[in-house]
Amino acid sequence: GRVPVRRPKPEPIRNAMSKPLELGVPSAKLLQDQLAALPSSTSQPPEVVRERQDVAVELNKAIREAKQQPFERSPIWWLAYETVTEIVMSIPGKVKSTRRMYSLQEMPFIPPCTDDPSPEEEAEYNEKVEQRKATRGEDDKENEWRSKFLEKVGTDCFGPRLSRFEVVAEEAIALSRINSVASLSLRDRVQTYLDRQSVESIEMGGSVLMYEVDLGFLGPKIDAAAAAAAA
């Protein structure tokens, strides 16, 4: 006859109070950890390094936009922060490209030591400094490279990014001023007066409706029209 098939055991239900990382829910912290776990940029092609930097920038931007802006900060605070970050991130690439122009070796970046380094950390830092000094070329070439590097930083790193920041910052400030002045729409301003009396339960012929409306928000437009007419 037919052989009965056993019902498979249901999968255990995960604890609803578990952390999002344990449940596999994507989060900003999980994405940041995955980016940090990727191989170092020295062993990757330039396209992969650039894509990794773009992902890191977009992730940090999304995290900042999800946060509530403190009241004491300017509306262009994050725009300025992003502009400075983009400038700083473009410096290492500009160092490599300008040193290749003068046939000089790449100069590695050395993070500064901590405030209270251990003897091992200090020795490792001094060793990296000596390795960095070994990449120096002749003094004439180094001076020419330094002048060219400073010129390229001003024209390629600072100039275009500050120009874009100026345009976006002007729009952000204008939008912030509009939002602060026109916080309420016309409907929101009039709705409070419409809610004062209901006309559903009374006879329209025997009632007089009186509304008090504050039209002060139209004052700037009237003044502007009068000034334009006088001119």
Protein backbone atom coordinates (compact mmCIF):
# COMPACT_ATOMS: atom_id res chain seq x y z
CA GLY A 1 0.00 0.00 0.00
CA ARG A 2 0.87 3.65 0.16
CA VAL A 3 3.75 4.46 2.44
CA PRO A 4 2.98 7.46 4.64
CA VAL A 5 5.41 10.34 4.32
CA ARG A 6 6.46 12.03 7.47
CA ARG A 7 5.80 15.70 7.72
CA PRO A 8 9.07 17.64 7.75
CA LYS A 9 9.96 19.37 10.94
CA PRO A 10 9.25 23.09 10.80
CA GLU A 11 12.20 25.40 10.97
CA PRO A 12 12.72 26.89 14.40
CA ILE A 13 11.30 30.37 14.75
CA ARG A 14 13.98 32.90 15.41
CA ASN A 15 13.74 35.01 18.48
CA ALA A 16 11.94 38.21 17.60
CA MET A 17 14.05 40.07 20.16
CA SER A 18 17.28 39.17 18.34
CA LYS A 19 19.50 41.90 16.99
CA PRO A 20 18.94 42.92 13.34
CA LEU A 21 22.47 41.74 12.45
CA GLU A 22 21.70 38.26 13.77
CA LEU A 23 18.51 38.09 11.70
CA GLY A 24 20.36 39.10 8.54
CA VAL A 25 18.52 42.41 8.16
CA PRO A 26 20.54 44.88 6.03
CA SER A 27 21.67 47.85 8.06
CA ALA A 28 24.16 50.67 7.79
CA LYS A 29 26.45 49.03 10.34
CA LEU A 30 26.41 45.74 8.41
CA LEU A 31 27.25 47.51 5.13
CA GLN A 32 30.05 49.47 6.78
CA ASP A 33 31.53 46.26 8.22
CA GLN A 34 31.36 44.59 4.81
CA LEU A 35 33.16 47.53 3.20
CA ALA A 36 35.84 47.46 5.89
CA ALA A 37 36.33 43.70 5.35
CA LEU A 38 37.17 44.13 1.65
CA PRO A 39 40.83 43.77 0.58
CA SER A 40 43.08 46.80 0.83
CA SER A 41 43.04 49.32 -1.97
CA THR A 42 46.72 48.74 -2.85
CA SER A 43 45.98 45.31 -4.31
CA GLN A 44 42.91 46.37 -6.33
CA PRO A 45 42.60 47.96 -9.79
CA PRO A 46 41.91 51.73 -9.89
CA GLU A 47 38.33 51.16 -11.10
CA VAL A 48 37.55 48.92 -8.11
CA VAL A 49 39.11 51.42 -5.70
CA ARG A 50 37.05 54.26 -7.21
CA GLU A 51 33.83 52.24 -6.99
CA ARG A 52 34.58 51.34 -3.39
CA GLN A 53 35.11 55.01 -2.51
CA ASP A 54 31.87 55.96 -4.28
CA VAL A 55 29.92 53.31 -2.34
CA ALA A 56 31.43 54.50 0.94
CA VAL A 57 30.55 58.12 0.15
CA GLU A 58 26.97 57.28 -0.84
CA LEU A 59 26.53 55.09 2.26
CA ASN A 60 27.75 57.84 4.59
CA LYS A 61 25.53 60.34 2.78
CA ALA A 62 22.47 58.11 3.25
CA ILE A 63 23.28 57.71 6.95
CA ARG A 64 23.55 61.48 7.40
CA GLU A 65 20.29 62.14 5.55
CA ALA A 66 18.50 59.62 7.77
CA LYS A 67 19.58 61.50 10.89
CA GLN A 68 17.66 64.48 12.20
CA GLN A 69 19.49 67.72 11.68
CA PRO A 70 20.31 69.49 14.98
CA PHE A 71 18.76 72.90 15.36
CA GLU A 72 22.06 74.66 15.92
CA ARG A 73 23.54 73.54 12.60
CA SER A 74 23.28 75.43 9.35
CA PRO A 75 21.25 73.89 6.49
CA ILE A 76 24.47 73.71 4.44
CA TRP A 77 26.51 72.03 7.20
CA TRP A 78 26.42 68.59 5.59
CA LEU A 79 27.06 70.07 2.15
CA ALA A 80 30.24 71.69 3.45
CA TYR A 81 31.21 68.45 5.19
CA GLU A 82 30.77 66.45 1.98
CA THR A 83 32.72 69.01 -0.04
CA VAL A 84 35.69 68.91 2.34
CA THR A 85 35.55 65.10 2.38
CA GLU A 86 35.60 64.92 -1.43
CA ILE A 87 38.59 67.28 -1.55
CA VAL A 88 40.51 65.21 1.00
CA MET A 89 39.72 61.94 -0.79
CA SER A 90 41.01 63.35 -4.10
CA ILE A 91 44.42 64.32 -2.69
CA PRO A 92 46.07 60.82 -2.71
CA GLY A 93 45.15 60.22 -6.35
CA LYS A 94 46.50 63.63 -7.31
CA VAL A 95 49.78 62.86 -5.50
CA LYS A 96 50.20 59.62 -7.49
CA SER A 97 49.36 61.17 -10.85
CA THR A 98 51.67 64.17 -10.42
CA ARG A 99 54.57 62.05 -9.18
CA ARG A 100 54.22 59.82 -12.23
CA MET A 101 54.51 62.93 -14.41
CA TYR A 102 58.04 63.49 -13.05
CA SER A 103 58.98 59.76 -12.98
CA LEU A 104 59.08 59.72 -9.18
CA GLN A 105 58.18 56.79 -6.93
CA GLU A 106 54.81 56.74 -5.22
CA MET A 107 54.86 58.31 -1.77
CA PRO A 108 52.83 56.18 0.68
CA PHE A 109 50.50 57.83 3.13
CA ILE A 110 51.37 57.28 6.80
CA PRO A 111 48.64 57.72 9.44
CA PRO A 112 49.83 59.72 12.46
CA CYS A 113 50.64 57.96 15.71
CA THR A 114 48.26 57.91 18.62
CA ASP A 115 48.64 60.38 21.48
CA ASP A 116 50.30 57.79 23.73
CA PRO A 117 51.92 55.18 21.44
CA SER A 118 53.59 52.05 22.71
CA PRO A 119 57.28 51.41 21.93
CA GLU A 120 56.28 48.89 19.25
CA GLU A 121 53.89 51.34 17.56
CA GLU A 122 56.48 54.12 17.67
CA ALA A 123 59.13 51.84 16.17
CA GLU A 124 56.75 50.75 13.40
CA TYR A 125 55.86 54.38 12.66
CA ASN A 126 59.53 55.40 12.46
CA GLU A 127 60.19 52.50 10.10
CA LYS A 128 57.40 53.64 7.78
CA VAL A 129 58.77 57.18 7.87
CA GLU A 130 62.18 55.92 6.77
CA GLN A 131 60.57 53.94 3.95
CA ARG A 132 58.72 57.07 2.88
CA LYS A 133 61.94 59.10 2.83
CA ALA A 134 63.52 56.43 0.65
CA THR A 135 60.99 57.20 -2.11
CA ARG A 136 62.24 60.78 -2.46
CA GLY A 137 63.97 61.69 -5.67
CA GLU A 138 66.38 64.45 -6.48
CA ASP A 139 65.77 67.81 -4.83
CA ASP A 140 65.14 69.62 -8.13
CA LYS A 141 62.52 67.10 -9.21
CA GLU A 142 60.91 67.12 -5.77
CA ASN A 143 60.61 70.91 -5.86
CA GLU A 144 59.14 70.84 -9.37
CA TRP A 145 56.70 68.12 -8.33
CA ARG A 146 55.64 70.06 -5.24
CA SER A 147 54.91 73.19 -7.26
CA LYS A 148 52.95 71.21 -9.85
CA PHE A 149 51.07 69.32 -7.16
CA LEU A 150 49.94 72.51 -5.41
CA GLU A 151 48.83 73.95 -8.74
CA LYS A 152 46.83 70.81 -9.61
CA VAL A 153 45.22 70.67 -6.17
CA GLY A 154 43.93 74.21 -6.60
CA THR A 155 42.63 73.74 -10.16
CA ASP A 156 41.42 70.12 -10.04
CA CYS A 157 40.55 69.43 -6.40
CA PHE A 158 39.45 72.70 -4.79
CA GLY A 159 38.13 74.74 -7.73
CA PRO A 160 35.46 72.44 -9.27
CA ARG A 161 34.17 71.17 -5.93
CA LEU A 162 33.88 74.65 -4.43
CA SER A 163 32.04 75.83 -7.54
CA ARG A 164 29.51 72.99 -7.18
CA PHE A 165 29.22 73.70 -3.46
CA GLU A 166 28.45 77.37 -4.13
CA VAL A 167 25.53 76.53 -6.44
CA VAL A 168 24.03 73.84 -4.18
CA ALA A 169 24.55 75.89 -1.01
CA GLU A 170 22.78 78.90 -2.52
CA GLU A 171 19.77 76.72 -3.41
CA ALA A 172 19.75 75.11 0.05
CA ILE A 173 19.83 78.47 1.83
CA ALA A 174 17.05 79.87 -0.36
CA LEU A 175 14.91 76.78 0.24
CA SER A 176 15.55 76.96 3.99
CA ARG A 177 14.47 80.62 4.08
CA ILE A 178 11.30 79.82 2.12
CA ASN A 179 10.43 76.97 4.48
CA SER A 180 10.99 79.14 7.54
CA VAL A 181 8.78 81.96 6.21
CA ALA A 182 6.06 79.90 4.50
CA SER A 183 5.73 77.17 7.10
CA LEU A 184 1.92 77.09 6.69
CA SER A 185 -0.04 76.83 3.46
CA LEU A 186 -3.09 78.98 2.72
CA ARG A 187 -5.39 76.07 3.52
CA ASP A 188 -3.71 75.52 6.88
CA ARG A 189 -4.08 79.21 7.71
CA VAL A 190 -7.80 79.34 6.85
CA GLN A 191 -8.74 75.91 8.24
CA THR A 192 -8.58 77.07 11.85
CA TYR A 193 -11.28 79.68 11.15
CA LEU A 194 -13.45 77.26 9.19
CA ASP A 195 -13.47 74.85 12.12
CA ARG A 196 -14.88 77.45 14.53
CA GLN A 197 -18.53 77.04 13.48
CA SER A 198 -20.40 74.22 11.81
CA VAL A 199 -23.22 75.07 9.37
CA GLU A 200 -24.59 71.54 9.08
CA SER A 201 -27.14 71.80 11.94
CA ILE A 202 -28.45 75.33 11.38
CA GLU A 203 -30.56 77.04 8.78
CA MET A 204 -28.46 78.99 6.33
CA GLY A 205 -31.15 81.65 5.77
CA GLY A 206 -31.31 82.65 9.43
CA SER A 207 -27.65 82.71 10.29
CA VAL A 208 -24.81 85.09 9.71
CA LEU A 209 -21.31 83.68 9.39
CA MET A 210 -18.41 85.85 10.47
CA TYR A 211 -14.83 84.79 9.91
CA GLU A 212 -11.76 86.52 11.22
CA VAL A 213 -8.78 85.91 8.96
CA ASP A 214 -5.23 87.17 9.44
CA LEU A 215 -3.97 88.27 6.01
CA GLY A 216 -0.64 89.51 7.28
CA PHE A 217 1.21 86.95 5.21
CA LEU A 218 0.15 88.88 2.08
CA GLY A 219 1.88 92.04 3.30
CA PRO A 220 5.25 91.47 1.56
CA LYS A 221 3.53 90.88 -1.78
CA ILE A 222 1.48 94.07 -1.45
CA ASP A 223 4.57 96.10 -0.52
CA ALA A 224 6.50 94.62 -3.45
CA ALA A 225 3.68 95.46 -5.86
CA ALA A 226 3.45 99.03 -4.54
CA ALA A 227 7.21 99.49 -4.85
CA ALA A 228 7.14 98.16 -8.40
CA ALA A 229 4.27 100.52 -9.32
CA ALA A 230 6.07 103.50 -7.79
CA ALA A 231 9.23 102.69 -9.72
